[in-house]
Amino acid sequence: MERCIECGSKHADYLPHDITNMYYHLKFYETHRRALQWIDAFRHCDQGIFDDIQNGLYGKGINLYDPIPLNAELPDHSAH
């Protein structure tokens, strides 16, 4: 598995980007001039994974467009 060009971590293409990777936060800010939001990390995922993460975030009171804190973790999506 090669490193993702977006987040710099090794993960399957269908999985979310690594939101714990500082490289991802910095590269995203440099490119978009805004903080990384939850939706940015998993909008490319298949619908099942997307729905699992979205429901996990909503269950924690997190909006998809909230900025991602540097110490954040994605909700578990291992059911897929």
PDB file of N, CA and C in Angstrom:
ATOM      1  N   MET A   1       0.850  -1.176   0.000  1.00  0.00           N
ATOM      2  CA  MET A   1       0.000   0.000   0.000  1.00  0.00           C
ATOM      3  C   MET A   1       0.899   1.245   0.000  1.00  0.00           C
ATOM      4  N   GLU A   2       0.634   2.138  -0.914  1.00  0.00           N
ATOM      5  CA  GLU A   2       1.424   3.362  -1.010  1.00  0.00           C
ATOM      6  C   GLU A   2       0.821   4.458  -0.142  1.00  0.00           C
ATOM      7  N   ARG A   3       1.625   5.475   0.102  1.00  0.00           N
ATOM      8  CA  ARG A   3       1.147   6.616   0.887  1.00  0.00           C
ATOM      9  C   ARG A   3       0.136   7.423   0.084  1.00  0.00           C
ATOM     10  N   CYS A   4      -0.878   7.879   0.751  1.00  0.00           N
ATOM     11  CA  CYS A   4      -1.914   8.714   0.143  1.00  0.00           C
ATOM     12  C   CYS A   4      -1.318  10.085  -0.190  1.00  0.00           C
ATOM     13  N   ILE A   5      -1.585  10.577  -1.380  1.00  0.00           N
ATOM     14  CA  ILE A   5      -1.039  11.889  -1.757  1.00  0.00           C
ATOM     15  C   ILE A   5      -1.753  13.041  -1.048  1.00  0.00           C
ATOM     16  N   GLU A   6      -2.927  12.769  -0.503  1.00  0.00           N
ATOM     17  CA  GLU A   6      -3.670  13.818   0.208  1.00  0.00           C
ATOM     18  C   GLU A   6      -3.222  13.961   1.663  1.00  0.00           C
ATOM     19  N   CYS A   7      -3.152  12.825   2.381  1.00  0.00           N
ATOM     20  CA  CYS A   7      -2.892  12.915   3.818  1.00  0.00           C
ATOM     21  C   CYS A   7      -1.511  12.412   4.226  1.00  0.00           C
ATOM     22  N   GLY A   8      -0.808  11.750   3.320  1.00  0.00           N
ATOM     23  CA  GLY A   8       0.543  11.289   3.629  1.00  0.00           C
ATOM     24  C   GLY A   8       0.621   9.992   4.406  1.00  0.00           C
ATOM     25  N   SER A   9      -0.509   9.367   4.686  1.00  0.00           N
ATOM     26  CA  SER A   9      -0.532   8.105   5.425  1.00  0.00           C
ATOM     27  C   SER A   9      -0.872   6.963   4.486  1.00  0.00           C
ATOM     28  N   LYS A  10      -0.614   5.753   4.950  1.00  0.00           N
ATOM     29  CA  LYS A  10      -0.961   4.570   4.168  1.00  0.00           C
ATOM     30  C   LYS A  10      -2.375   4.127   4.546  1.00  0.00           C
ATOM     31  N   HIS A  11      -3.277   4.120   3.571  1.00  0.00           N
ATOM     32  CA  HIS A  11      -4.633   3.623   3.782  1.00  0.00           C
ATOM     33  C   HIS A  11      -5.229   3.264   2.435  1.00  0.00           C
ATOM     34  N   ALA A  12      -6.202   2.385   2.454  1.00  0.00           N
ATOM     35  CA  ALA A  12      -6.897   2.011   1.222  1.00  0.00           C
ATOM     36  C   ALA A  12      -7.630   3.235   0.671  1.00  0.00           C
ATOM     37  N   ASP A  13      -7.767   3.282  -0.640  1.00  0.00           N
ATOM     38  CA  ASP A  13      -8.401   4.440  -1.291  1.00  0.00           C
ATOM     39  C   ASP A  13      -9.815   4.715  -0.798  1.00  0.00           C
ATOM     40  N   TYR A  14     -10.523   3.672  -0.422  1.00  0.00           N
ATOM     41  CA  TYR A  14     -11.925   3.837  -0.030  1.00  0.00           C
ATOM     42  C   TYR A  14     -12.095   4.254   1.437  1.00  0.00           C
ATOM     43  N   LEU A  15     -10.999   4.317   2.194  1.00  0.00           N
ATOM     44  CA  LEU A  15     -11.062   4.705   3.604  1.00  0.00           C
ATOM     45  C   LEU A  15     -10.780   6.189   3.779  1.00  0.00           C
ATOM     46  N   PRO A  16     -11.191   6.758   4.919  1.00  0.00           N
ATOM     47  CA  PRO A  16     -10.976   8.185   5.162  1.00  0.00           C
ATOM     48  C   PRO A  16      -9.491   8.537   5.248  1.00  0.00           C
ATOM     49  N   HIS A  17      -9.193   9.797   4.969  1.00  0.00           N
ATOM     50  CA  HIS A  17      -7.832  10.292   5.144  1.00  0.00           C
ATOM     51  C   HIS A  17      -7.499  10.314   6.629  1.00  0.00           C
ATOM     52  N   ASP A  18      -6.215  10.268   6.941  1.00  0.00           N
ATOM     53  CA  ASP A  18      -5.733  10.220   8.326  1.00  0.00           C
ATOM     54  C   ASP A  18      -5.757  11.616   8.944  1.00  0.00           C
ATOM     55  N   ILE A  19      -6.789  11.866   9.736  1.00  0.00           N
ATOM     56  CA  ILE A  19      -6.949  13.200  10.327  1.00  0.00           C
ATOM     57  C   ILE A  19      -5.969  13.461  11.465  1.00  0.00           C
ATOM     58  N   THR A  20      -5.226  12.436  11.899  1.00  0.00           N
ATOM     59  CA  THR A  20      -4.229  12.640  12.961  1.00  0.00           C
ATOM     60  C   THR A  20      -2.879  13.057  12.388  1.00  0.00           C
ATOM     61  N   ASN A  21      -2.754  13.046  11.064  1.00  0.00           N
ATOM     62  CA  ASN A  21      -1.490  13.367  10.412  1.00  0.00           C
ATOM     63  C   ASN A  21      -1.347  14.878  10.238  1.00  0.00           C
ATOM     64  N   MET A  22      -0.366  15.457  10.903  1.00  0.00           N
ATOM     65  CA  MET A  22      -0.156  16.901  10.831  1.00  0.00           C
ATOM     66  C   MET A  22       0.121  17.355   9.397  1.00  0.00           C
ATOM     67  N   TYR A  23       0.802  16.506   8.624  1.00  0.00           N
ATOM     68  CA  TYR A  23       1.058  16.819   7.211  1.00  0.00           C
ATOM     69  C   TYR A  23      -0.251  17.115   6.486  1.00  0.00           C
ATOM     70  N   TYR A  24      -1.264  16.292   6.742  1.00  0.00           N
ATOM     71  CA  TYR A  24      -2.567  16.480   6.090  1.00  0.00           C
ATOM     72  C   TYR A  24      -3.158  17.834   6.461  1.00  0.00           C
ATOM     73  N   HIS A  25      -3.138  18.189   7.738  1.00  0.00           N
ATOM     74  CA  HIS A  25      -3.672  19.478   8.180  1.00  0.00           C
ATOM     75  C   HIS A  25      -2.941  20.634   7.501  1.00  0.00           C
ATOM     76  N   LEU A  26      -1.615  20.569   7.498  1.00  0.00           N
ATOM     77  CA  LEU A  26      -0.823  21.666   6.924  1.00  0.00           C
ATOM     78  C   LEU A  26      -0.978  21.763   5.410  1.00  0.00           C
ATOM     79  N   LYS A  27      -0.936  20.626   4.739  1.00  0.00           N
ATOM     80  CA  LYS A  27      -1.092  20.616   3.280  1.00  0.00           C
ATOM     81  C   LYS A  27      -2.474  21.119   2.894  1.00  0.00           C
ATOM     82  N   PHE A  28      -3.497  20.690   3.620  1.00  0.00           N
ATOM     83  CA  PHE A  28      -4.855  21.123   3.325  1.00  0.00           C
ATOM     84  C   PHE A  28      -4.984  22.628   3.500  1.00  0.00           C
ATOM     85  N   TYR A  29      -4.438  23.150   4.600  1.00  0.00           N
ATOM     86  CA  TYR A  29      -4.515  24.595   4.837  1.00  0.00           C
ATOM     87  C   TYR A  29      -3.763  25.362   3.748  1.00  0.00           C
ATOM     88  N   GLU A  30      -2.604  24.877   3.379  1.00  0.00           N
ATOM     89  CA  GLU A  30      -1.816  25.544   2.343  1.00  0.00           C
ATOM     90  C   GLU A  30      -2.576  25.594   1.016  1.00  0.00           C
ATOM     91  N   THR A  31      -3.279  24.525   0.701  1.00  0.00           N
ATOM     92  CA  THR A  31      -4.015  24.438  -0.564  1.00  0.00           C
ATOM     93  C   THR A  31      -5.326  25.220  -0.534  1.00  0.00           C
ATOM     94  N   HIS A  32      -6.072  25.120   0.577  1.00  0.00           N
ATOM     95  CA  HIS A  32      -7.437  25.658   0.628  1.00  0.00           C
ATOM     96  C   HIS A  32      -7.591  26.912   1.478  1.00  0.00           C
ATOM     97  N   ARG A  33      -6.552  27.271   2.208  1.00  0.00           N
ATOM     98  CA  ARG A  33      -6.571  28.450   3.084  1.00  0.00           C
ATOM     99  C   ARG A  33      -7.721  28.447   4.077  1.00  0.00           C
ATOM    100  N   ARG A  34      -8.000  27.258   4.582  1.00  0.00           N
ATOM    101  CA  ARG A  34      -8.981  27.103   5.659  1.00  0.00           C
ATOM    102  C   ARG A  34      -8.641  25.832   6.422  1.00  0.00           C
ATOM    103  N   ALA A  35      -9.189  25.740   7.609  1.00  0.00           N
ATOM    104  CA  ALA A  35      -8.954  24.545   8.427  1.00  0.00           C
ATOM    105  C   ALA A  35      -9.639  23.330   7.812  1.00  0.00           C
ATOM    106  N   LEU A  36      -9.053  22.195   8.043  1.00  0.00           N
ATOM    107  CA  LEU A  36      -9.615  20.923   7.617  1.00  0.00           C
ATOM    108  C   LEU A  36     -10.935  20.689   8.342  1.00  0.00           C
ATOM    109  N   GLN A  37     -11.960  20.306   7.615  1.00  0.00           N
ATOM    110  CA  GLN A  37     -13.256  19.991   8.201  1.00  0.00           C
ATOM    111  C   GLN A  37     -13.483  18.487   8.118  1.00  0.00           C
ATOM    112  N   TRP A  38     -14.361  17.986   8.977  1.00  0.00           N
ATOM    113  CA  TRP A  38     -14.630  16.554   9.011  1.00  0.00           C
ATOM    114  C   TRP A  38     -14.998  16.016   7.634  1.00  0.00           C
ATOM    115  N   ILE A  39     -15.851  16.705   6.926  1.00  0.00           N
ATOM    116  CA  ILE A  39     -16.309  16.248   5.611  1.00  0.00           C
ATOM    117  C   ILE A  39     -15.146  16.062   4.638  1.00  0.00           C
ATOM    118  N   ASP A  40     -14.101  16.861   4.776  1.00  0.00           N
ATOM    119  CA  ASP A  40     -12.954  16.790   3.862  1.00  0.00           C
ATOM    120  C   ASP A  40     -12.227  15.453   3.960  1.00  0.00           C
ATOM    121  N   ALA A  41     -12.236  14.856   5.123  1.00  0.00           N
ATOM    122  CA  ALA A  41     -11.484  13.628   5.350  1.00  0.00           C
ATOM    123  C   ALA A  41     -12.172  12.384   4.787  1.00  0.00           C
ATOM    124  N   PHE A  42     -13.486  12.453   4.563  1.00  0.00           N
ATOM    125  CA  PHE A  42     -14.169  11.232   4.135  1.00  0.00           C
ATOM    126  C   PHE A  42     -15.213  11.408   3.038  1.00  0.00           C
ATOM    127  N   ARG A  43     -15.261  12.564   2.409  1.00  0.00           N
ATOM    128  CA  ARG A  43     -16.260  12.749   1.342  1.00  0.00           C
ATOM    129  C   ARG A  43     -16.052  11.787   0.178  1.00  0.00           C
ATOM    130  N   HIS A  44     -14.854  11.260  -0.002  1.00  0.00           N
ATOM    131  CA  HIS A  44     -14.551  10.335  -1.100  1.00  0.00           C
ATOM    132  C   HIS A  44     -14.901   8.883  -0.778  1.00  0.00           C
ATOM    133  N   CYS A  45     -15.287   8.603   0.454  1.00  0.00           N
ATOM    134  CA  CYS A  45     -15.576   7.221   0.873  1.00  0.00           C
ATOM    135  C   CYS A  45     -16.879   6.718   0.257  1.00  0.00           C
ATOM    136  N   ASP A  46     -17.001   5.380   0.200  1.00  0.00           N
ATOM    137  CA  ASP A  46     -18.259   4.834  -0.315  1.00  0.00           C
ATOM    138  C   ASP A  46     -19.388   5.178   0.660  1.00  0.00           C
ATOM    139  N   GLN A  47     -20.609   5.058   0.191  1.00  0.00           N
ATOM    140  CA  GLN A  47     -21.767   5.531   0.948  1.00  0.00           C
ATOM    141  C   GLN A  47     -21.889   4.876   2.318  1.00  0.00           C
ATOM    142  N   GLY A  48     -21.591   3.577   2.421  1.00  0.00           N
ATOM    143  CA  GLY A  48     -21.701   2.897   3.712  1.00  0.00           C
ATOM    144  C   GLY A  48     -20.752   3.460   4.748  1.00  0.00           C
ATOM    145  N   ILE A  49     -19.504   3.643   4.369  1.00  0.00           N
ATOM    146  CA  ILE A  49     -18.514   4.215   5.286  1.00  0.00           C
ATOM    147  C   ILE A  49     -18.868   5.668   5.590  1.00  0.00           C
ATOM    148  N   PHE A  50     -19.253   6.414   4.567  1.00  0.00           N
ATOM    149  CA  PHE A  50     -19.654   7.810   4.764  1.00  0.00           C
ATOM    150  C   PHE A  50     -20.778   7.895   5.796  1.00  0.00           C
ATOM    151  N   ASP A  51     -21.811   7.076   5.618  1.00  0.00           N
ATOM    152  CA  ASP A  51     -22.948   7.106   6.541  1.00  0.00           C
ATOM    153  C   ASP A  51     -22.539   6.723   7.957  1.00  0.00           C
ATOM    154  N   ASP A  52     -21.687   5.699   8.094  1.00  0.00           N
ATOM    155  CA  ASP A  52     -21.215   5.295   9.425  1.00  0.00           C
ATOM    156  C   ASP A  52     -20.491   6.436  10.131  1.00  0.00           C
ATOM    157  N   ILE A  53     -19.589   7.090   9.411  1.00  0.00           N
ATOM    158  CA  ILE A  53     -18.826   8.190  10.016  1.00  0.00           C
ATOM    159  C   ILE A  53     -19.741   9.361  10.332  1.00  0.00           C
ATOM    160  N   GLN A  54     -20.597   9.699   9.386  1.00  0.00           N
ATOM    161  CA  GLN A  54     -21.525  10.812   9.614  1.00  0.00           C
ATOM    162  C   GLN A  54     -22.388  10.557  10.843  1.00  0.00           C
ATOM    163  N   ASN A  55     -22.937   9.354  10.957  1.00  0.00           N
ATOM    164  CA  ASN A  55     -23.775   9.024  12.118  1.00  0.00           C
ATOM    165  C   ASN A  55     -22.970   9.050  13.413  1.00  0.00           C
ATOM    166  N   GLY A  56     -21.723   8.564  13.360  1.00  0.00           N
ATOM    167  CA  GLY A  56     -20.859   8.616  14.540  1.00  0.00           C
ATOM    168  C   GLY A  56     -20.561  10.035  14.980  1.00  0.00           C
ATOM    169  N   LEU A  57     -20.331  10.910  14.017  1.00  0.00           N
ATOM    170  CA  LEU A  57     -20.069  12.316  14.337  1.00  0.00           C
ATOM    171  C   LEU A  57     -21.319  12.984  14.913  1.00  0.00           C
ATOM    172  N   TYR A  58     -22.451  12.772  14.252  1.00  0.00           N
ATOM    173  CA  TYR A  58     -23.702  13.359  14.751  1.00  0.00           C
ATOM    174  C   TYR A  58     -24.013  12.860  16.153  1.00  0.00           C
ATOM    175  N   GLY A  59     -23.710  11.581  16.414  1.00  0.00           N
ATOM    176  CA  GLY A  59     -23.936  11.022  17.743  1.00  0.00           C
ATOM    177  C   GLY A  59     -23.101  11.694  18.819  1.00  0.00           C
ATOM    178  N   LYS A  60     -21.985  12.280  18.406  1.00  0.00           N
ATOM    179  CA  LYS A  60     -21.121  13.010  19.340  1.00  0.00           C
ATOM    180  C   LYS A  60     -21.387  14.515  19.305  1.00  0.00           C
ATOM    181  N   GLY A  61     -22.423  14.921  18.552  1.00  0.00           N
ATOM    182  CA  GLY A  61     -22.770  16.341  18.459  1.00  0.00           C
ATOM    183  C   GLY A  61     -21.836  17.129  17.563  1.00  0.00           C
ATOM    184  N   ILE A  62     -21.182  16.460  16.619  1.00  0.00           N
ATOM    185  CA  ILE A  62     -20.226  17.116  15.729  1.00  0.00           C
ATOM    186  C   ILE A  62     -20.859  17.314  14.357  1.00  0.00           C
ATOM    187  N   ASN A  63     -20.763  18.519  13.842  1.00  0.00           N
ATOM    188  CA  ASN A  63     -21.259  18.865  12.514  1.00  0.00           C
ATOM    189  C   ASN A  63     -20.187  18.523  11.483  1.00  0.00           C
ATOM    190  N   LEU A  64     -20.592  18.063  10.309  1.00  0.00           N
ATOM    191  CA  LEU A  64     -19.636  17.702   9.255  1.00  0.00           C
ATOM    192  C   LEU A  64     -18.736  18.852   8.839  1.00  0.00           C
ATOM    193  N   TYR A  65     -19.187  20.070   9.039  1.00  0.00           N
ATOM    194  CA  TYR A  65     -18.417  21.234   8.610  1.00  0.00           C
ATOM    195  C   TYR A  65     -17.664  21.907   9.746  1.00  0.00           C
ATOM    196  N   ASP A  66     -17.626  21.252  10.909  1.00  0.00           N
ATOM    197  CA  ASP A  66     -16.802  21.752  12.015  1.00  0.00           C
ATOM    198  C   ASP A  66     -15.332  21.521  11.678  1.00  0.00           C
ATOM    199  N   PRO A  67     -14.460  22.430  12.096  1.00  0.00           N
ATOM    200  CA  PRO A  67     -13.019  22.181  11.927  1.00  0.00           C
ATOM    201  C   PRO A  67     -12.600  20.970  12.753  1.00  0.00           C
ATOM    202  N   ILE A  68     -11.604  20.250  12.266  1.00  0.00           N
ATOM    203  CA  ILE A  68     -11.107  19.071  12.970  1.00  0.00           C
ATOM    204  C   ILE A  68      -9.999  19.483  13.930  1.00  0.00           C
ATOM    205  N   PRO A  69     -10.166  19.227  15.230  1.00  0.00           N
ATOM    206  CA  PRO A  69      -9.074  19.501  16.165  1.00  0.00           C
ATOM    207  C   PRO A  69      -7.899  18.556  15.897  1.00  0.00           C
ATOM    208  N   LEU A  70      -6.709  18.973  16.232  1.00  0.00           N
ATOM    209  CA  LEU A  70      -5.514  18.175  15.947  1.00  0.00           C
ATOM    210  C   LEU A  70      -5.482  16.850  16.705  1.00  0.00           C
ATOM    211  N   ASN A  71      -6.212  16.739  17.799  1.00  0.00           N
ATOM    212  CA  ASN A  71      -6.205  15.499  18.588  1.00  0.00           C
ATOM    213  C   ASN A  71      -7.437  14.639  18.320  1.00  0.00           C
ATOM    214  N   ALA A  72      -8.119  14.859  17.212  1.00  0.00           N
ATOM    215  CA  ALA A  72      -9.369  14.167  16.904  1.00  0.00           C
ATOM    216  C   ALA A  72      -9.134  12.759  16.369  1.00  0.00           C
ATOM    217  N   GLU A  73     -10.161  11.945  16.476  1.00  0.00           N
ATOM    218  CA  GLU A  73     -10.177  10.614  15.874  1.00  0.00           C
ATOM    219  C   GLU A  73     -11.515  10.429  15.185  1.00  0.00           C
ATOM    220  N   LEU A  74     -11.498   9.722  14.052  1.00  0.00           N
ATOM    221  CA  LEU A  74     -12.744   9.416  13.363  1.00  0.00           C
ATOM    222  C   LEU A  74     -13.535   8.391  14.153  1.00  0.00           C
ATOM    223  N   PRO A  75     -14.872   8.473  14.119  1.00  0.00           N
ATOM    224  CA  PRO A  75     -15.672   7.410  14.724  1.00  0.00           C
ATOM    225  C   PRO A  75     -15.371   6.080  14.034  1.00  0.00           C
ATOM    226  N   ASP A  76     -15.565   5.005  14.749  1.00  0.00           N
ATOM    227  CA  ASP A  76     -15.300   3.666  14.216  1.00  0.00           C
ATOM    228  C   ASP A  76     -16.192   3.383  13.009  1.00  0.00           C
ATOM    229  N   HIS A  77     -15.584   2.886  11.948  1.00  0.00           N
ATOM    230  CA  HIS A  77     -16.322   2.510  10.737  1.00  0.00           C
ATOM    231  C   HIS A  77     -15.945   1.092  10.328  1.00  0.00           C
ATOM    232  N   SER A  78     -15.526   0.302  11.283  1.00  0.00           N
ATOM    233  CA  SER A  78     -14.983  -1.021  10.991  1.00  0.00           C
ATOM    234  C   SER A  78     -16.055  -2.030  10.572  1.00  0.00           C
ATOM    235  N   ALA A  79     -17.312  -1.653  10.645  1.00  0.00           N
ATOM    236  CA  ALA A  79     -18.388  -2.566  10.247  1.00  0.00           C
ATOM    237  C   ALA A  79     -18.336  -2.852   8.750  1.00  0.00           C
ATOM    238  N   HIS A  80     -17.620  -2.020   7.985  1.00  0.00           N
ATOM    239  CA  HIS A  80     -17.550  -2.206   6.522  1.00  0.00           C
ATOM    240  C   HIS A  80     -16.219  -2.712   6.116  1.00  0.00           C
TER     241      HIS A  80
END
